[in-house]
């Protein structure tokens, strides 16, 4: 049988049990006095008073106890990933003192130090994904996690506000009905952050492809931060891996696994309840499809009614014709690559002056009520007045149909998009997707590249 090794928490539990047994033998000491010894005179009480008493009872050397338990526990306070490995002599004395095999009772297993379930995770490396925001822009961040053969866990993440990686160290254990893994970690040097991760692993006894769960942590202001997390088994090297923030709408963001993007896309989604029995990308994709079935459209063999929203009268006279030409190309790309049947009021008029004469209001409202997809193109020009395109978006937002917004990426600044529109895209991104362009001519190419996945459709 493998020699037992006690984690920090298990060692702390052992010491507490020893102390409580010592207290039960005292007749002239109150609980208040006992706790005061323990809290205010740590070294004297634990090593001298308690140590001498228990050593006498256990017929073990006092020097041994000081070196192997209490002083070892002091060391473990400095680095909680360390373990305590009692010798046979120590175990014999402990069994004599308690009258039973207390070690395995503490460890919660019968003769095993690492359960078979934990064993399948040893020497494994995992990339994890979580929804994140940086400088007001939403996206997905990644980190890397490793588990060694002694259940010691190391994490490398990124502190965006400091622009450098941060390292966590801690341990992992089974939780619940042993179908969950609980990671308890702190930042390696400062201990200023306290990270806990709880994920489903199932009851199969095998390592899953992915594990879904939740995390909570502390930020620099000691604010509790929590969210949904996805762990994915990987062969990547821990030391070489660089944690990354993937800004939503960028090419690198769209290169992530589609199931991960969909699962983490909504800031407020999946946080109260994390689904179980999902241990592969295939099952996660099916769960997402089922969950969003009310937003899905049966478009197998038919064109999809699509509303293309673009400003008309708010443009300058100089930019109107050019913008109209660009939107014509966008419409053509949607129809060719996504099988869309597009309506766009901008393309129904020959000039801005014609807008007042062309009574489009009823036609626009009819299309907004019945369209199945909504595409908004925010122009790169300065608008001379408020545009009704944002009113159209507000109408569609309440319908919760798939929405795609194309917006220019600002140079050295935040995305050029109204705050309310940005907020709606961030909190409702399970049906709203934002794509960034540098030039309007780039939009048809984006549509051609992603086709119906623009809208979350197959």
Protein backbone atom coordinates (compact mmCIF):
# COMPACT_ATOMS: atom_id res chain seq x y z
CA UNK A 1 0.00 0.00 0.00
CA UNK A 2 1.24 3.48 -0.88
CA UNK A 3 2.37 5.53 2.12
CA UNK A 4 -0.25 8.18 2.93
CA UNK A 5 0.43 11.84 2.29
CA UNK A 6 -1.72 14.45 3.96
CA UNK A 7 -2.64 17.70 2.24
CA UNK A 8 -2.58 21.02 4.09
CA UNK A 9 -6.27 20.76 4.99
CA UNK A 10 -5.90 17.14 6.11
CA UNK A 11 -2.88 17.98 8.26
CA UNK A 12 -4.77 20.87 9.81
CA UNK A 13 -7.67 18.52 10.55
CA UNK A 14 -5.29 16.02 12.20
CA UNK A 15 -3.79 18.70 14.45
CA UNK A 16 -7.25 19.92 15.42
CA UNK A 17 -8.30 16.37 16.36
CA UNK A 18 -5.17 15.92 18.47
CA UNK A 19 -5.77 19.22 20.23
CA UNK A 20 -9.43 18.47 20.90
CA UNK A 21 -8.55 15.08 22.37
CA UNK A 22 -6.01 16.82 24.60
CA UNK A 23 -8.67 19.33 25.73
CA UNK A 24 -11.10 16.55 26.61
CA UNK A 25 -8.53 15.21 29.10
CA UNK A 26 -8.15 18.55 30.92
CA UNK A 27 -10.25 19.15 34.03
CA UNK A 28 -9.02 22.59 35.12
CA UNK A 29 -8.98 24.43 31.79
CA UNK A 30 -11.99 26.17 30.24
CA UNK A 31 -12.71 26.24 26.51
CA UNK A 32 -11.89 29.97 26.48
CA UNK A 33 -8.48 29.36 28.05
CA UNK A 34 -7.78 26.49 25.71
CA UNK A 35 -8.67 28.53 22.61
CA UNK A 36 -6.56 31.41 23.90
CA UNK A 37 -3.55 29.09 24.19
CA UNK A 38 -4.15 27.91 20.66
CA UNK A 39 -4.69 31.35 19.11
CA UNK A 40 -2.26 33.55 21.00
CA UNK A 41 0.67 31.32 21.87
CA UNK A 42 0.91 29.11 18.83
CA UNK A 43 4.49 27.78 19.14
CA UNK A 44 4.48 27.34 22.90
CA UNK A 45 1.12 25.60 22.95
CA UNK A 46 1.44 23.38 19.93
CA UNK A 47 5.06 22.30 20.27
CA UNK A 48 5.67 22.40 24.01
CA UNK A 49 2.38 21.93 25.84
CA UNK A 50 0.46 19.80 23.39
CA UNK A 51 3.57 18.20 21.96
CA UNK A 52 4.89 17.05 25.34
CA UNK A 53 1.53 15.63 26.40
CA UNK A 54 0.81 13.77 23.21
CA UNK A 55 4.37 12.49 22.93
CA UNK A 56 4.15 11.00 26.36
CA UNK A 57 0.91 9.25 25.50
CA UNK A 58 2.15 8.06 22.10
CA UNK A 59 5.61 7.00 23.30
CA UNK A 60 7.26 8.95 20.47
CA UNK A 61 10.23 11.33 20.63
CA UNK A 62 9.44 14.97 21.25
CA UNK A 63 12.01 16.06 18.68
CA UNK A 64 10.27 13.98 16.06
CA UNK A 65 6.93 15.65 16.65
CA UNK A 66 8.43 19.11 16.48
CA UNK A 67 10.14 18.35 13.19
CA UNK A 68 7.58 16.17 11.52
CA UNK A 69 4.22 17.64 12.43
CA UNK A 70 4.03 21.08 13.98
CA UNK A 71 7.05 22.60 12.35
CA UNK A 72 6.09 20.90 9.12
CA UNK A 73 2.66 22.47 9.42
CA UNK A 74 4.32 25.85 9.87
CA UNK A 75 6.14 25.26 6.59
CA UNK A 76 2.90 24.23 4.93
CA UNK A 77 1.34 27.51 6.02
CA UNK A 78 3.89 29.22 3.79
CA UNK A 79 3.20 26.92 0.84
CA UNK A 80 -0.10 25.06 1.05
CA UNK A 81 0.71 22.82 -1.88
CA UNK A 82 3.17 20.87 0.30
CA UNK A 83 2.14 17.62 1.96
CA UNK A 84 2.95 15.83 5.22
CA UNK A 85 4.19 12.23 4.97
CA UNK A 86 4.06 10.47 8.38
CA UNK A 87 6.44 7.57 9.02
CA UNK A 88 5.44 4.12 10.31
CA UNK A 89 6.57 5.11 13.83
CA UNK A 90 4.42 8.20 13.72
CA UNK A 91 1.40 6.26 12.46
CA UNK A 92 1.84 3.64 15.20
CA UNK A 93 1.94 6.35 17.89
CA UNK A 94 -1.07 8.06 16.38
CA UNK A 95 -3.07 4.82 16.32
CA UNK A 96 -2.16 4.12 19.95
CA UNK A 97 -3.24 7.60 21.02
CA UNK A 98 -6.61 7.52 19.25
CA UNK A 99 -7.26 3.80 19.44
CA UNK A 100 -8.06 3.64 15.72
CA UNK A 101 -6.60 4.24 12.26
CA UNK A 102 -7.32 7.97 12.26
CA UNK A 103 -5.28 8.79 9.12
CA UNK A 104 -7.56 7.02 6.66
CA UNK A 105 -10.57 8.42 8.47
CA UNK A 106 -9.19 11.91 7.86
CA UNK A 107 -8.46 11.16 4.23
CA UNK A 108 -11.94 9.79 3.73
CA UNK A 109 -10.78 6.67 1.87
CA UNK A 110 -10.01 3.12 2.82
CA UNK A 111 -6.29 2.50 2.43
CA UNK A 112 -5.86 4.81 -0.56
CA UNK A 113 -4.28 8.22 -0.66
CA UNK A 114 -5.44 9.19 -4.12
CA UNK A 115 -8.72 7.71 -5.29
CA UNK A 116 -8.98 6.07 -8.66
CA UNK A 117 -11.08 9.00 -9.82
CA UNK A 118 -8.41 11.54 -8.97
CA UNK A 119 -5.76 9.24 -10.39
CA UNK A 120 -7.03 9.66 -13.96
CA UNK A 121 -6.34 13.40 -13.71
CA UNK A 122 -2.76 13.16 -12.47
CA UNK A 123 -0.09 14.65 -14.72
CA UNK A 124 -2.79 16.24 -16.89
CA UNK A 125 -2.89 19.72 -18.42
CA UNK A 126 -6.05 21.70 -19.17
CA UNK A 127 -6.77 24.92 -21.03
CA UNK A 128 -9.67 26.81 -19.51
CA UNK A 129 -11.95 29.44 -21.02
CA UNK A 130 -14.14 32.07 -19.38
CA UNK A 131 -16.13 35.16 -20.37
CA UNK A 132 -14.10 38.32 -19.76
CA UNK A 133 -14.12 42.07 -20.31
CA UNK A 134 -11.09 44.29 -20.86
CA UNK A 135 -11.32 48.07 -21.24
CA UNK A 136 -15.07 47.78 -21.78
CA UNK A 137 -14.73 45.23 -24.59
CA UNK A 138 -16.14 41.73 -24.14
CA UNK A 139 -14.47 38.50 -25.16
CA UNK A 140 -13.10 35.21 -23.88
CA UNK A 141 -9.93 34.74 -21.82
CA UNK A 142 -7.85 31.59 -21.54
CA UNK A 143 -5.50 30.18 -18.93
CA UNK A 144 -3.75 26.88 -18.35
CA UNK A 145 -4.01 24.44 -15.44
CA UNK A 146 -1.85 21.43 -14.54
CA UNK A 147 -2.45 18.66 -11.99
CA UNK A 148 0.52 16.62 -10.77
CA UNK A 149 0.58 13.12 -9.29
CA UNK A 150 0.07 14.46 -5.75
CA UNK A 151 -3.02 16.52 -6.58
CA UNK A 152 -1.02 19.74 -6.57
CA UNK A 153 -2.45 22.24 -9.05
CA UNK A 154 -0.68 25.06 -10.87
CA UNK A 155 -2.46 27.74 -12.89
CA UNK A 156 -1.16 30.41 -15.22
CA UNK A 157 -3.61 33.21 -16.00
CA UNK A 158 -3.32 36.81 -17.18
CA UNK A 159 -3.77 39.98 -15.14
CA UNK A 160 -4.88 42.26 -17.96
CA UNK A 161 -4.76 45.37 -15.81
CA UNK A 162 -1.10 44.66 -15.06
CA UNK A 163 -0.18 43.20 -18.43
CA UNK A 164 1.60 40.14 -17.08
CA UNK A 165 0.85 36.50 -16.23
CA UNK A 166 -0.20 35.55 -12.70
CA UNK A 167 0.47 32.13 -11.17
CA UNK A 168 -1.76 30.23 -8.75
CA UNK A 169 -0.91 27.16 -6.70
CA UNK A 170 -3.20 24.90 -4.70
CA UNK A 171 -4.82 21.51 -4.58
CA UNK A 172 -7.71 19.59 -6.08
CA UNK A 173 -10.10 17.16 -4.44
CA UNK A 174 -13.35 15.36 -5.14
CA UNK A 175 -16.54 17.08 -4.06
CA UNK A 176 -20.24 16.38 -3.82
CA UNK A 177 -20.97 12.76 -4.70
CA UNK A 178 -17.44 12.46 -6.13
CA UNK A 179 -18.69 13.59 -9.55
CA UNK A 180 -17.13 17.04 -9.08
CA UNK A 181 -13.60 18.40 -8.84
CA UNK A 182 -12.92 21.28 -6.47
CA UNK A 183 -9.80 23.38 -7.06
CA UNK A 184 -8.66 25.63 -4.19
CA UNK A 185 -5.81 27.96 -5.11
CA UNK A 186 -4.05 31.18 -4.16
CA UNK A 187 -1.59 33.38 -6.02
CA UNK A 188 1.81 31.77 -5.65
CA UNK A 189 3.78 34.61 -4.07
CA UNK A 190 1.39 37.13 -2.51
CA UNK A 191 -1.65 34.98 -1.62
CA UNK A 192 -3.68 38.08 -2.44
CA UNK A 193 -6.13 36.23 -4.65
CA UNK A 194 -8.23 33.26 -3.61
CA UNK A 195 -9.42 31.21 -6.59
CA UNK A 196 -11.93 28.36 -6.35
CA UNK A 197 -13.12 26.30 -9.32
CA UNK A 198 -15.82 23.62 -9.20
CA UNK A 199 -16.41 21.46 -12.31
CA UNK A 200 -18.45 18.40 -13.27
CA UNK A 201 -16.41 15.29 -14.17
CA UNK A 202 -19.13 12.62 -14.07
CA UNK A 203 -19.08 9.10 -12.65
CA UNK A 204 -17.53 7.17 -15.53
CA UNK A 205 -14.07 7.02 -13.93
CA UNK A 206 -12.46 8.28 -17.15
CA UNK A 207 -11.06 11.70 -17.96
CA UNK A 208 -13.57 13.85 -19.87
CA UNK A 209 -12.73 15.84 -22.98
CA UNK A 210 -14.14 18.97 -21.35
CA UNK A 211 -15.45 19.89 -17.89
CA UNK A 212 -18.01 22.63 -17.24
CA UNK A 213 -18.18 24.54 -13.99
CA UNK A 214 -18.00 27.82 -12.14
CA UNK A 215 -15.23 29.87 -10.56
CA UNK A 216 -14.97 32.66 -8.03
CA UNK A 217 -11.98 34.83 -7.25
CA UNK A 218 -10.92 38.18 -5.77
CA UNK A 219 -9.77 41.12 -7.88
CA UNK A 220 -7.33 43.87 -6.90
CA UNK A 221 -10.09 45.69 -5.01
CA UNK A 222 -11.05 42.53 -3.07
CA UNK A 223 -14.28 42.37 -5.06
CA UNK A 224 -15.62 38.84 -5.51
CA UNK A 225 -15.63 37.91 -9.20
CA UNK A 226 -17.46 34.81 -10.42
CA UNK A 227 -18.46 33.20 -13.67
CA UNK A 228 -18.78 30.13 -15.87
CA UNK A 229 -15.69 28.21 -16.93
CA UNK A 230 -14.87 25.49 -19.47
CA UNK A 231 -11.86 23.19 -18.94
CA UNK A 232 -10.53 21.35 -22.00
CA UNK A 233 -7.95 18.56 -21.90
CA UNK A 234 -4.83 19.51 -23.86
CA UNK A 235 -1.33 18.36 -24.78
CA UNK A 236 0.04 21.91 -24.74
CA UNK A 237 3.12 22.68 -22.66
CA UNK A 238 2.31 24.54 -19.43
CA UNK A 239 5.45 26.69 -19.43
CA UNK A 240 5.20 27.66 -23.09
CA UNK A 241 1.49 28.51 -23.02
CA UNK A 242 0.59 32.22 -23.02
CA UNK A 243 -2.77 33.19 -21.48
CA UNK A 244 -4.73 35.31 -23.95
CA UNK A 245 -7.76 37.61 -24.14
CA UNK A 246 -9.72 37.04 -27.36
CA UNK A 247 -11.68 40.17 -28.23
CA UNK A 248 -15.13 39.35 -29.53
CA UNK A 249 -15.53 39.73 -33.28
CA UNK A 250 -11.85 39.41 -34.13
CA UNK A 251 -10.43 36.69 -36.36
CA UNK A 252 -8.67 35.05 -33.39
CA UNK A 253 -11.94 35.01 -31.44
CA UNK A 254 -13.71 33.27 -34.31
CA UNK A 255 -10.90 30.71 -34.35
CA UNK A 256 -12.00 29.38 -30.93
CA UNK A 257 -14.15 26.28 -30.67
CA UNK A 258 -17.67 27.27 -31.68
CA UNK A 259 -19.21 25.42 -28.72
CA UNK A 260 -17.03 27.37 -26.28
CA UNK A 261 -17.91 30.68 -27.94
CA UNK A 262 -21.62 29.98 -27.82
CA UNK A 263 -21.56 28.71 -24.24
CA UNK A 264 -19.59 31.69 -22.90
CA UNK A 265 -20.93 34.38 -25.22
CA UNK A 266 -23.64 35.69 -22.92
CA UNK A 267 -22.32 37.57 -19.89
CA UNK A 268 -25.31 36.72 -17.71
CA UNK A 269 -25.95 33.23 -19.10
CA UNK A 270 -25.21 29.79 -17.63
CA UNK A 271 -24.18 31.28 -14.28
CA UNK A 272 -26.94 30.20 -11.95
CA UNK A 273 -26.99 26.57 -13.09
CA UNK A 274 -24.18 24.76 -14.89
CA UNK A 275 -25.39 21.75 -16.89
CA UNK A 276 -24.07 18.30 -15.98
CA UNK A 277 -23.52 15.14 -18.01
CA UNK A 278 -21.67 17.20 -20.64
CA UNK A 279 -18.10 15.95 -21.06
CA UNK A 280 -17.42 16.49 -24.79
CA UNK A 281 -17.67 19.27 -27.37
CA UNK A 282 -20.33 17.28 -29.21
CA UNK A 283 -22.60 17.07 -26.17
CA UNK A 284 -22.02 20.74 -25.35
CA UNK A 285 -22.99 21.73 -28.88
CA UNK A 286 -26.19 19.66 -28.67
CA UNK A 287 -27.08 21.19 -25.30
CA UNK A 288 -26.60 24.71 -26.70
CA UNK A 289 -28.74 23.90 -29.75
CA UNK A 290 -31.52 22.55 -27.52
CA UNK A 291 -31.27 25.52 -25.16
CA UNK A 292 -31.50 28.03 -27.97
CA UNK A 293 -34.12 26.13 -29.97
CA UNK A 294 -36.58 28.98 -29.65
CA UNK A 295 -34.09 31.17 -31.51
CA UNK A 296 -33.34 28.61 -34.20
CA UNK A 297 -34.81 28.91 -37.65
CA UNK A 298 -35.65 26.14 -40.03
CA UNK A 299 -33.66 27.31 -43.03
CA UNK A 300 -32.64 24.01 -44.61
CA UNK A 301 -34.07 24.61 -48.06
CA UNK A 302 -35.39 28.17 -48.04
CA UNK A 303 -34.10 31.73 -48.06
CA UNK A 304 -34.19 33.58 -44.76
CA UNK A 305 -36.06 36.86 -44.51
CA UNK A 306 -33.37 39.35 -43.49
CA UNK A 307 -33.60 43.02 -42.58
CA UNK A 308 -30.47 45.07 -43.41
CA UNK A 309 -30.41 48.24 -41.34
CA UNK A 310 -28.33 51.20 -42.53
CA UNK A 311 -28.64 55.00 -42.09
CA UNK A 312 -30.13 57.10 -44.90
CA UNK A 313 -30.82 60.75 -44.11
CA UNK A 314 -28.26 60.98 -41.29
CA UNK A 315 -25.42 60.63 -43.82
CA UNK A 316 -23.82 63.59 -45.52
CA UNK A 317 -24.64 64.12 -49.18
CA UNK A 318 -21.06 63.26 -50.11
CA UNK A 319 -21.06 59.87 -48.35
CA UNK A 320 -24.62 58.76 -49.28
CA UNK A 321 -23.91 57.34 -52.75
CA UNK A 322 -20.69 55.66 -51.67
CA UNK A 323 -22.36 54.06 -48.64
CA UNK A 324 -25.32 52.92 -50.72
CA UNK A 325 -22.92 51.19 -53.11
CA UNK A 326 -21.17 49.41 -50.25
CA UNK A 327 -24.48 48.21 -48.78
CA UNK A 328 -25.48 46.85 -52.19
CA UNK A 329 -22.35 44.64 -52.02
CA UNK A 330 -23.23 43.60 -48.45
CA UNK A 331 -26.74 42.59 -49.55
CA UNK A 332 -25.37 40.59 -52.47
CA UNK A 333 -22.92 38.76 -50.22
CA UNK A 334 -25.65 37.89 -47.70
CA UNK A 335 -27.85 36.50 -50.45
CA UNK A 336 -25.04 34.50 -52.06
CA UNK A 337 -23.29 33.15 -48.94
CA UNK A 338 -26.11 32.93 -46.38
CA UNK A 339 -29.19 32.31 -48.58
CA UNK A 340 -30.77 35.49 -47.25
CA UNK A 341 -33.74 37.27 -48.79
CA UNK A 342 -32.74 40.83 -47.89
CA UNK A 343 -34.75 43.99 -47.41
CA UNK A 344 -32.91 47.32 -47.03
CA UNK A 345 -34.69 50.68 -47.05
CA UNK A 346 -31.48 52.43 -48.09
CA UNK A 347 -31.57 50.54 -51.39
CA UNK A 348 -35.19 51.52 -52.02
CA UNK A 349 -34.37 55.18 -52.61
CA UNK A 350 -32.27 56.86 -55.27
CA UNK A 351 -31.42 59.90 -53.18
CA UNK A 352 -31.84 61.25 -49.65
CA UNK A 353 -34.46 63.71 -50.91
CA UNK A 354 -36.59 60.83 -52.14
CA UNK A 355 -36.95 59.52 -48.58
CA UNK A 356 -39.65 62.03 -47.65
CA UNK A 357 -41.63 61.26 -50.80
CA UNK A 358 -41.19 57.51 -50.59
CA UNK A 359 -43.54 56.35 -47.81
CA UNK A 360 -41.42 53.51 -46.44
CA UNK A 361 -42.57 53.58 -42.82
CA UNK A 362 -45.28 50.92 -43.14
CA UNK A 363 -43.05 48.74 -45.29
CA UNK A 364 -40.17 49.02 -42.81
CA UNK A 365 -42.38 48.12 -39.84
CA UNK A 366 -43.82 45.17 -41.75
CA UNK A 367 -40.32 43.85 -42.46
CA UNK A 368 -39.18 44.41 -38.87
CA UNK A 369 -42.15 42.42 -37.56
CA UNK A 370 -41.56 39.42 -39.82
CA UNK A 371 -37.84 39.25 -40.57
CA UNK A 372 -35.93 36.22 -39.27
CA UNK A 373 -32.47 37.80 -39.21
CA UNK A 374 -31.30 41.36 -38.61
CA UNK A 375 -28.07 42.90 -39.96
CA UNK A 376 -26.94 46.38 -38.96
CA UNK A 377 -24.09 48.19 -40.68
CA UNK A 378 -22.81 51.13 -38.61
CA UNK A 379 -21.09 53.45 -41.14
CA UNK A 380 -17.55 54.72 -40.62
CA UNK A 381 -18.66 58.31 -41.27
CA UNK A 382 -19.71 60.97 -38.81
CA UNK A 383 -23.52 61.06 -38.75
CA UNK A 384 -25.05 64.50 -39.22
CA UNK A 385 -28.19 63.64 -37.22
CA UNK A 386 -29.71 60.81 -35.23
CA UNK A 387 -30.40 57.70 -37.29
CA UNK A 388 -33.54 55.59 -37.14
CA UNK A 389 -31.32 52.50 -37.57
CA UNK A 390 -30.86 52.41 -33.80
CA UNK A 391 -34.64 52.53 -33.32
CA UNK A 392 -34.90 49.56 -35.68
CA UNK A 393 -32.36 47.73 -33.54
CA UNK A 394 -34.38 48.48 -30.40
CA UNK A 395 -37.48 47.00 -32.02
CA UNK A 396 -35.60 43.85 -33.05
CA UNK A 397 -33.86 43.48 -29.66
CA UNK A 398 -37.21 42.78 -28.03
CA UNK A 399 -37.90 40.00 -30.57
CA UNK A 400 -34.65 38.15 -29.66
CA UNK A 401 -33.93 37.00 -33.21
CA UNK A 402 -30.32 36.52 -34.42
CA UNK A 403 -28.58 39.88 -34.90
CA UNK A 404 -25.27 40.73 -36.57
CA UNK A 405 -23.72 44.18 -36.19
CA UNK A 406 -20.88 45.37 -38.41
CA UNK A 407 -18.97 48.28 -36.91
CA UNK A 408 -15.73 50.06 -37.72
CA UNK A 409 -12.80 49.36 -35.44
CA UNK A 410 -11.48 52.67 -34.14
CA UNK A 411 -7.80 53.47 -34.39
CA UNK A 412 -6.24 53.45 -30.91
CA UNK A 413 -9.62 53.82 -29.24
CA UNK A 414 -12.72 51.86 -28.33
CA UNK A 415 -15.04 50.53 -30.98
CA UNK A 416 -17.11 53.29 -32.61
CA UNK A 417 -20.51 52.17 -31.40
CA UNK A 418 -23.14 53.88 -29.19
CA UNK A 419 -22.92 52.89 -25.52
CA UNK A 420 -26.45 51.48 -25.39
CA UNK A 421 -25.81 49.36 -28.47
CA UNK A 422 -22.51 48.14 -27.01
CA UNK A 423 -24.21 47.22 -23.73
CA UNK A 424 -26.98 45.30 -25.50
CA UNK A 425 -24.41 43.35 -27.52
CA UNK A 426 -22.44 42.48 -24.38
CA UNK A 427 -25.29 41.24 -22.20
CA UNK A 428 -27.31 39.52 -24.95
CA UNK A 429 -24.58 38.04 -27.06
CA UNK A 430 -26.28 34.65 -27.22
CA UNK A 431 -28.26 36.13 -30.15
CA UNK A 432 -26.22 39.27 -30.99
CA UNK A 433 -22.84 39.03 -32.73
CA UNK A 434 -20.51 41.94 -33.46
CA UNK A 435 -17.94 41.95 -36.26
CA UNK A 436 -15.34 44.66 -36.79
CA UNK A 437 -14.18 46.01 -40.14
CA UNK A 438 -11.39 48.37 -41.13
CA UNK A 439 -13.02 49.25 -44.45
CA UNK A 440 -16.58 48.75 -45.70
CA UNK A 441 -15.25 46.62 -48.55
CA UNK A 442 -14.16 44.07 -45.94
CA UNK A 443 -17.75 43.24 -44.86
CA UNK A 444 -18.67 41.07 -47.89
CA UNK A 445 -15.46 39.10 -47.32
CA UNK A 446 -16.38 38.54 -43.65
CA UNK A 447 -19.81 37.30 -44.72
CA UNK A 448 -18.29 34.98 -47.34
CA UNK A 449 -15.83 33.57 -44.78
CA UNK A 450 -18.29 32.79 -41.97
CA UNK A 451 -21.50 32.29 -43.99
CA UNK A 452 -24.41 31.27 -41.76
CA UNK A 453 -22.25 30.85 -38.67
CA UNK A 454 -22.47 34.65 -38.53
CA UNK A 455 -25.93 34.12 -37.07
CA UNK A 456 -25.19 30.92 -35.18
CA UNK A 457 -26.85 28.86 -37.93
CA UNK A 458 -25.55 25.79 -39.70
